[in-house]
């Protein structure tokens, strides 16, 4: 979101949509934490998060100019940054598996990325509950 003054009030249905998107992302993270998948794997490739990103793109235009615009941008960036970092961890760890250390770098990298995704979703949802925009 740019640094212009936000003047348009967000509709209650759009606020509800932002809550639903955070809930879908949280569900994706929880499925990874308590299921057979990894936290970040479930977040990136599980249906709840994929649906959440699609909903983000559908309603993103409606949020323009409101305090919710920063939340929609935050949610979209969280997903795509997580995917980019997961690919980077994989690309770094794959050749290192030849000397065994790659298994450790992959596990640590994915664990840290999972914690980061949990933090981003929790922080965003708490600010949404407080009706505050996200800051970078």
N, C-alpha and C. Protein backbone atom coordinates (compact mmCIF):
# COMPACT_ATOMS: atom_id res chain seq x y z
N UNK A 1 0.84 -1.17 0.00
CA UNK A 1 0.00 0.00 0.00
C UNK A 1 0.89 1.23 0.00
N UNK A 2 0.50 2.22 -0.77
CA UNK A 2 1.30 3.44 -0.80
C UNK A 2 1.00 4.27 0.44
N UNK A 3 1.70 5.37 0.60
CA UNK A 3 1.59 6.17 1.81
C UNK A 3 0.53 7.26 1.73
N UNK A 4 -0.41 7.13 0.83
CA UNK A 4 -1.48 8.11 0.72
C UNK A 4 -2.48 7.90 1.85
N UNK A 5 -3.21 8.97 2.15
CA UNK A 5 -4.23 8.90 3.19
C UNK A 5 -5.38 8.01 2.72
N UNK A 6 -5.77 7.07 3.56
CA UNK A 6 -6.87 6.17 3.24
C UNK A 6 -8.17 6.88 3.61
N UNK A 7 -9.06 7.03 2.64
CA UNK A 7 -10.28 7.81 2.88
C UNK A 7 -11.56 7.00 2.79
N UNK A 8 -11.52 5.87 2.17
CA UNK A 8 -12.73 5.08 1.97
C UNK A 8 -12.86 4.06 3.08
N UNK A 9 -14.02 4.00 3.73
CA UNK A 9 -14.27 3.01 4.78
C UNK A 9 -14.55 1.66 4.13
N UNK A 10 -14.05 0.62 4.72
CA UNK A 10 -14.24 -0.73 4.20
C UNK A 10 -15.64 -1.24 4.57
N UNK A 11 -16.25 -1.96 3.64
CA UNK A 11 -17.57 -2.53 3.91
C UNK A 11 -17.44 -3.70 4.89
N UNK A 12 -18.48 -3.94 5.69
CA UNK A 12 -18.44 -5.08 6.62
C UNK A 12 -18.21 -6.41 5.91
N UNK A 13 -18.76 -6.57 4.71
CA UNK A 13 -18.57 -7.84 3.99
C UNK A 13 -17.11 -8.01 3.56
N UNK A 14 -16.44 -6.91 3.24
CA UNK A 14 -15.03 -7.00 2.87
C UNK A 14 -14.16 -7.32 4.09
N UNK A 15 -14.53 -6.77 5.24
CA UNK A 15 -13.82 -7.10 6.49
C UNK A 15 -14.00 -8.59 6.78
N UNK A 16 -15.21 -9.08 6.60
CA UNK A 16 -15.49 -10.51 6.81
C UNK A 16 -14.68 -11.36 5.84
N UNK A 17 -14.55 -10.91 4.60
CA UNK A 17 -13.74 -11.64 3.61
C UNK A 17 -12.30 -11.72 4.06
N UNK A 18 -11.75 -10.62 4.57
CA UNK A 18 -10.36 -10.62 5.05
C UNK A 18 -10.21 -11.60 6.22
N UNK A 19 -11.20 -11.66 7.11
CA UNK A 19 -11.17 -12.63 8.22
C UNK A 19 -11.18 -14.06 7.68
N UNK A 20 -12.00 -14.30 6.68
CA UNK A 20 -12.09 -15.64 6.09
C UNK A 20 -10.75 -16.04 5.47
N UNK A 21 -10.10 -15.10 4.81
CA UNK A 21 -8.81 -15.40 4.18
C UNK A 21 -7.77 -15.73 5.25
N UNK A 22 -7.71 -14.93 6.33
CA UNK A 22 -6.79 -15.26 7.41
C UNK A 22 -7.13 -16.63 8.00
N UNK A 23 -8.41 -16.92 8.16
CA UNK A 23 -8.82 -18.22 8.72
C UNK A 23 -8.40 -19.37 7.80
N UNK A 24 -8.54 -19.19 6.50
CA UNK A 24 -8.12 -20.23 5.56
C UNK A 24 -6.61 -20.46 5.63
N UNK A 25 -5.86 -19.37 5.69
CA UNK A 25 -4.40 -19.52 5.83
C UNK A 25 -4.04 -20.20 7.15
N UNK A 26 -4.72 -19.81 8.23
CA UNK A 26 -4.45 -20.43 9.54
C UNK A 26 -4.80 -21.92 9.50
N UNK A 27 -5.89 -22.27 8.83
CA UNK A 27 -6.27 -23.68 8.69
C UNK A 27 -5.18 -24.44 7.93
N UNK A 28 -4.67 -23.85 6.86
CA UNK A 28 -3.59 -24.49 6.11
C UNK A 28 -2.36 -24.72 6.98
N UNK A 29 -2.02 -23.73 7.81
CA UNK A 29 -0.87 -23.89 8.72
C UNK A 29 -1.15 -24.96 9.77
N UNK A 30 -2.36 -24.97 10.32
CA UNK A 30 -2.72 -25.95 11.35
C UNK A 30 -2.72 -27.37 10.79
N UNK A 31 -3.19 -27.53 9.57
CA UNK A 31 -3.19 -28.86 8.96
C UNK A 31 -1.76 -29.39 8.82
N UNK A 32 -0.82 -28.49 8.53
CA UNK A 32 0.57 -28.90 8.44
C UNK A 32 1.16 -29.21 9.80
N UNK A 33 0.77 -28.42 10.81
CA UNK A 33 1.32 -28.62 12.16
C UNK A 33 0.80 -29.90 12.79
N UNK A 34 -0.44 -30.25 12.52
CA UNK A 34 -1.04 -31.40 13.19
C UNK A 34 -1.30 -32.58 12.26
N UNK A 35 -0.88 -32.47 11.01
CA UNK A 35 -1.09 -33.55 10.06
C UNK A 35 0.22 -34.16 9.63
N UNK A 36 0.16 -34.88 8.53
CA UNK A 36 1.33 -35.59 8.03
C UNK A 36 2.26 -34.69 7.21
N UNK A 37 1.75 -33.54 6.76
CA UNK A 37 2.56 -32.63 5.93
C UNK A 37 3.38 -31.69 6.81
N UNK A 38 4.29 -30.96 6.19
CA UNK A 38 5.01 -29.92 6.92
C UNK A 38 4.12 -28.69 7.01
N UNK A 39 4.40 -27.81 7.94
CA UNK A 39 3.61 -26.59 8.10
C UNK A 39 3.66 -25.77 6.82
N UNK A 40 4.85 -25.53 6.31
CA UNK A 40 4.97 -24.69 5.12
C UNK A 40 4.46 -25.41 3.87
N UNK A 41 4.63 -26.72 3.80
CA UNK A 41 4.10 -27.48 2.67
C UNK A 41 2.59 -27.40 2.61
N UNK A 42 1.97 -27.56 3.76
CA UNK A 42 0.51 -27.46 3.82
C UNK A 42 0.05 -26.04 3.52
N UNK A 43 0.81 -25.04 3.98
CA UNK A 43 0.46 -23.65 3.73
C UNK A 43 0.53 -23.32 2.25
N UNK A 44 1.55 -23.81 1.58
CA UNK A 44 1.75 -23.47 0.16
C UNK A 44 0.92 -24.32 -0.79
N UNK A 45 0.73 -25.58 -0.46
CA UNK A 45 0.10 -26.49 -1.42
C UNK A 45 -1.23 -27.06 -0.96
N UNK A 46 -1.68 -26.68 0.24
CA UNK A 46 -2.97 -27.14 0.73
C UNK A 46 -4.11 -26.31 0.16
N UNK A 47 -5.25 -26.93 0.02
CA UNK A 47 -6.42 -26.23 -0.54
C UNK A 47 -6.82 -24.97 0.21
N UNK A 48 -6.78 -24.96 1.54
CA UNK A 48 -7.21 -23.72 2.22
C UNK A 48 -6.42 -22.49 1.79
N UNK A 49 -5.11 -22.60 1.72
CA UNK A 49 -4.30 -21.44 1.33
C UNK A 49 -4.43 -21.10 -0.14
N UNK A 50 -4.57 -22.10 -0.97
CA UNK A 50 -4.76 -21.83 -2.40
C UNK A 50 -6.08 -21.10 -2.62
N UNK A 51 -7.13 -21.54 -1.95
CA UNK A 51 -8.42 -20.85 -2.03
C UNK A 51 -8.28 -19.43 -1.49
N UNK A 52 -7.54 -19.27 -0.39
CA UNK A 52 -7.36 -17.95 0.22
C UNK A 52 -6.69 -16.98 -0.76
N UNK A 53 -5.66 -17.42 -1.47
CA UNK A 53 -4.97 -16.54 -2.42
C UNK A 53 -5.89 -16.18 -3.58
N UNK A 54 -6.68 -17.13 -4.05
CA UNK A 54 -7.63 -16.84 -5.12
C UNK A 54 -8.64 -15.79 -4.66
N UNK A 55 -9.17 -15.96 -3.44
CA UNK A 55 -10.12 -14.98 -2.89
C UNK A 55 -9.44 -13.62 -2.76
N UNK A 56 -8.17 -13.60 -2.32
CA UNK A 56 -7.42 -12.34 -2.23
C UNK A 56 -7.42 -11.60 -3.56
N UNK A 57 -7.10 -12.31 -4.62
CA UNK A 57 -7.04 -11.66 -5.93
C UNK A 57 -8.41 -11.22 -6.42
N UNK A 58 -9.44 -11.97 -6.10
CA UNK A 58 -10.80 -11.60 -6.52
C UNK A 58 -11.25 -10.32 -5.84
N UNK A 59 -11.00 -10.17 -4.55
CA UNK A 59 -11.51 -9.03 -3.78
C UNK A 59 -10.50 -7.91 -3.57
N UNK A 60 -9.32 -8.08 -4.06
CA UNK A 60 -8.27 -7.07 -3.88
C UNK A 60 -8.68 -5.70 -4.42
N UNK A 61 -9.30 -5.66 -5.57
CA UNK A 61 -9.74 -4.40 -6.16
C UNK A 61 -10.77 -3.69 -5.31
N UNK A 62 -11.65 -4.45 -4.66
CA UNK A 62 -12.67 -3.85 -3.79
C UNK A 62 -12.05 -3.19 -2.56
N UNK A 63 -10.86 -3.64 -2.18
CA UNK A 63 -10.21 -3.10 -0.98
C UNK A 63 -9.37 -1.86 -1.28
N UNK A 64 -9.18 -1.54 -2.56
CA UNK A 64 -8.35 -0.38 -2.92
C UNK A 64 -8.87 0.89 -2.26
N UNK A 65 -7.95 1.62 -1.64
CA UNK A 65 -8.30 2.89 -1.01
C UNK A 65 -8.84 2.77 0.40
N UNK A 66 -9.02 1.55 0.88
CA UNK A 66 -9.51 1.34 2.24
C UNK A 66 -8.35 0.88 3.12
N UNK A 67 -8.57 0.84 4.41
CA UNK A 67 -7.54 0.35 5.32
C UNK A 67 -7.30 -1.15 5.13
N UNK A 68 -8.22 -1.83 4.46
CA UNK A 68 -8.07 -3.26 4.20
C UNK A 68 -7.11 -3.57 3.05
N UNK A 69 -6.82 -2.58 2.23
CA UNK A 69 -5.92 -2.81 1.10
C UNK A 69 -4.59 -3.38 1.58
N UNK A 70 -4.09 -2.85 2.69
CA UNK A 70 -2.81 -3.34 3.20
C UNK A 70 -2.91 -4.79 3.67
N UNK A 71 -4.07 -5.22 4.16
CA UNK A 71 -4.24 -6.61 4.59
C UNK A 71 -4.25 -7.56 3.39
N UNK A 72 -4.95 -7.16 2.33
CA UNK A 72 -4.98 -8.01 1.15
C UNK A 72 -3.58 -8.12 0.55
N UNK A 73 -2.84 -7.01 0.50
CA UNK A 73 -1.46 -7.06 0.02
C UNK A 73 -0.59 -7.92 0.92
N UNK A 74 -0.76 -7.80 2.24
CA UNK A 74 0.00 -8.57 3.23
C UNK A 74 -0.23 -10.07 3.03
N UNK A 75 -1.50 -10.45 2.86
CA UNK A 75 -1.84 -11.86 2.70
C UNK A 75 -1.25 -12.43 1.41
N UNK A 76 -1.36 -11.67 0.33
CA UNK A 76 -0.82 -12.13 -0.95
C UNK A 76 0.71 -12.24 -0.88
N UNK A 77 1.35 -11.23 -0.32
CA UNK A 77 2.82 -11.26 -0.22
C UNK A 77 3.29 -12.40 0.68
N UNK A 78 2.56 -12.66 1.75
CA UNK A 78 2.95 -13.76 2.64
C UNK A 78 2.99 -15.08 1.87
N UNK A 79 1.99 -15.33 1.07
CA UNK A 79 1.94 -16.58 0.30
C UNK A 79 3.09 -16.65 -0.71
N UNK A 80 3.26 -15.60 -1.52
CA UNK A 80 4.25 -15.65 -2.59
C UNK A 80 5.68 -15.60 -2.05
N UNK A 81 5.91 -14.83 -0.99
CA UNK A 81 7.26 -14.82 -0.38
C UNK A 81 7.58 -16.20 0.21
N UNK A 82 6.60 -16.84 0.83
CA UNK A 82 6.82 -18.17 1.39
C UNK A 82 7.18 -19.15 0.28
N UNK A 83 6.48 -19.06 -0.84
CA UNK A 83 6.79 -19.96 -1.96
C UNK A 83 8.19 -19.70 -2.49
N UNK A 84 8.55 -18.43 -2.65
CA UNK A 84 9.89 -18.10 -3.15
C UNK A 84 10.98 -18.59 -2.20
N UNK A 85 10.79 -18.38 -0.90
CA UNK A 85 11.79 -18.82 0.07
C UNK A 85 11.86 -20.34 0.15
N UNK A 86 10.73 -21.02 0.01
CA UNK A 86 10.74 -22.48 0.02
C UNK A 86 11.53 -23.02 -1.17
N UNK A 87 11.34 -22.40 -2.32
CA UNK A 87 12.11 -22.82 -3.50
C UNK A 87 13.60 -22.56 -3.30
N UNK A 88 13.94 -21.42 -2.71
CA UNK A 88 15.34 -21.11 -2.45
C UNK A 88 15.97 -22.11 -1.47
N UNK A 89 15.24 -22.41 -0.40
CA UNK A 89 15.75 -23.40 0.57
C UNK A 89 15.96 -24.74 -0.13
N UNK A 90 15.02 -25.13 -0.98
CA UNK A 90 15.16 -26.38 -1.71
C UNK A 90 16.35 -26.38 -2.66
N UNK A 91 16.54 -25.26 -3.38
CA UNK A 91 17.65 -25.17 -4.32
C UNK A 91 19.01 -25.19 -3.62
N UNK A 92 19.07 -24.60 -2.44
CA UNK A 92 20.32 -24.60 -1.68
C UNK A 92 20.55 -25.97 -1.05
N UNK A 93 19.50 -26.57 -0.53
CA UNK A 93 19.64 -27.83 0.20
C UNK A 93 19.85 -29.04 -0.70
N UNK A 94 19.27 -29.02 -1.89
CA UNK A 94 19.35 -30.19 -2.77
C UNK A 94 20.79 -30.61 -3.07
N UNK A 95 21.65 -29.70 -3.55
CA UNK A 95 23.03 -30.15 -3.81
C UNK A 95 23.78 -30.54 -2.53
N UNK A 96 23.39 -29.94 -1.40
CA UNK A 96 24.06 -30.26 -0.15
C UNK A 96 23.68 -31.64 0.39
N UNK A 97 22.62 -32.25 -0.16
CA UNK A 97 22.26 -33.60 0.29
C UNK A 97 23.33 -34.61 -0.10
N UNK A 98 24.13 -34.27 -1.09
CA UNK A 98 25.22 -35.17 -1.48
C UNK A 98 26.24 -35.33 -0.35
N UNK A 99 26.33 -34.34 0.51
CA UNK A 99 27.25 -34.46 1.65
C UNK A 99 26.45 -34.50 2.96
N UNK A 100 25.23 -34.95 2.87
CA UNK A 100 24.32 -35.20 4.01
C UNK A 100 23.80 -33.92 4.67
N UNK A 101 24.58 -32.85 4.69
CA UNK A 101 24.17 -31.64 5.41
C UNK A 101 22.89 -31.02 4.83
N UNK A 102 22.59 -31.31 3.57
CA UNK A 102 21.41 -30.75 2.92
C UNK A 102 20.11 -31.14 3.59
N UNK A 103 20.06 -32.33 4.18
CA UNK A 103 18.85 -32.74 4.89
C UNK A 103 18.61 -31.83 6.09
N UNK A 104 19.68 -31.47 6.76
CA UNK A 104 19.57 -30.57 7.91
C UNK A 104 19.22 -29.15 7.50
N UNK A 105 19.85 -28.65 6.43
CA UNK A 105 19.54 -27.28 5.99
C UNK A 105 18.10 -27.18 5.50
N UNK A 106 17.62 -28.24 4.85
CA UNK A 106 16.23 -28.24 4.39
C UNK A 106 15.28 -28.24 5.59
N UNK A 107 15.52 -29.10 6.57
CA UNK A 107 14.65 -29.19 7.75
C UNK A 107 14.64 -27.87 8.53
N UNK A 108 15.81 -27.31 8.76
CA UNK A 108 15.89 -26.05 9.51
C UNK A 108 15.24 -24.92 8.70
N UNK A 109 15.53 -24.87 7.41
CA UNK A 109 14.95 -23.83 6.56
C UNK A 109 13.44 -23.89 6.52
N UNK A 110 12.88 -25.08 6.37
CA UNK A 110 11.43 -25.22 6.33
C UNK A 110 10.79 -24.93 7.70
N UNK A 111 11.47 -25.31 8.77
CA UNK A 111 10.97 -25.01 10.11
C UNK A 111 10.91 -23.49 10.32
N UNK A 112 11.99 -22.80 9.97
CA UNK A 112 12.03 -21.34 10.13
C UNK A 112 10.99 -20.66 9.25
N UNK A 113 10.82 -21.16 8.05
CA UNK A 113 9.82 -20.61 7.14
C UNK A 113 8.41 -20.84 7.67
N UNK A 114 8.17 -21.99 8.28
CA UNK A 114 6.87 -22.25 8.91
C UNK A 114 6.59 -21.28 10.04
N UNK A 115 7.61 -21.04 10.88
CA UNK A 115 7.44 -20.06 11.96
C UNK A 115 7.15 -18.66 11.42
N UNK A 116 7.85 -18.30 10.37
CA UNK A 116 7.65 -16.99 9.74
C UNK A 116 6.21 -16.86 9.21
N UNK A 117 5.70 -17.90 8.55
CA UNK A 117 4.34 -17.86 8.01
C UNK A 117 3.32 -17.77 9.15
N UNK A 118 3.53 -18.51 10.23
CA UNK A 118 2.63 -18.43 11.39
C UNK A 118 2.63 -17.02 11.95
N UNK A 119 3.82 -16.43 12.09
CA UNK A 119 3.94 -15.06 12.59
C UNK A 119 3.18 -14.08 11.69
N UNK A 120 3.36 -14.19 10.37
CA UNK A 120 2.73 -13.25 9.43
C UNK A 120 1.21 -13.35 9.49
N UNK A 121 0.68 -14.56 9.55
CA UNK A 121 -0.77 -14.72 9.59
C UNK A 121 -1.31 -14.24 10.93
N UNK A 122 -0.65 -14.59 12.02
CA UNK A 122 -1.10 -14.15 13.35
C UNK A 122 -1.04 -12.63 13.49
N UNK A 123 0.06 -12.04 13.07
CA UNK A 123 0.20 -10.58 13.17
C UNK A 123 -0.86 -9.86 12.35
N UNK A 124 -1.07 -10.33 11.13
CA UNK A 124 -2.08 -9.71 10.27
C UNK A 124 -3.48 -9.84 10.84
N UNK A 125 -3.80 -11.01 11.33
CA UNK A 125 -5.16 -11.25 11.85
C UNK A 125 -5.40 -10.42 13.11
N UNK A 126 -4.39 -10.27 13.96
CA UNK A 126 -4.54 -9.45 15.16
C UNK A 126 -4.78 -7.98 14.78
N UNK A 127 -4.07 -7.50 13.79
CA UNK A 127 -4.27 -6.10 13.36
C UNK A 127 -5.62 -5.94 12.69
N UNK A 128 -6.08 -6.95 11.98
CA UNK A 128 -7.41 -6.89 11.38
C UNK A 128 -8.47 -6.82 12.47
N UNK A 129 -8.32 -7.63 13.51
CA UNK A 129 -9.27 -7.59 14.63
C UNK A 129 -9.29 -6.23 15.30
N UNK A 130 -8.15 -5.54 15.31
CA UNK A 130 -8.07 -4.21 15.90
C UNK A 130 -8.49 -3.13 14.90
N UNK A 131 -8.88 -3.54 13.70
CA UNK A 131 -9.29 -2.62 12.62
C UNK A 131 -8.17 -1.65 12.26
N UNK A 132 -6.94 -2.17 12.24
CA UNK A 132 -5.77 -1.37 11.90
C UNK A 132 -5.16 -1.87 10.61
N UNK A 133 -4.67 -0.97 9.77
CA UNK A 133 -3.99 -1.42 8.54
C UNK A 133 -2.65 -2.07 8.88
N UNK A 134 -2.12 -2.82 7.95
CA UNK A 134 -0.81 -3.43 8.13
C UNK A 134 0.25 -2.40 7.78
N UNK A 135 1.34 -2.45 8.50
CA UNK A 135 2.52 -1.65 8.17
C UNK A 135 3.59 -2.62 7.72
N UNK A 136 4.44 -2.16 6.84
CA UNK A 136 5.49 -3.03 6.30
C UNK A 136 6.44 -3.53 7.31
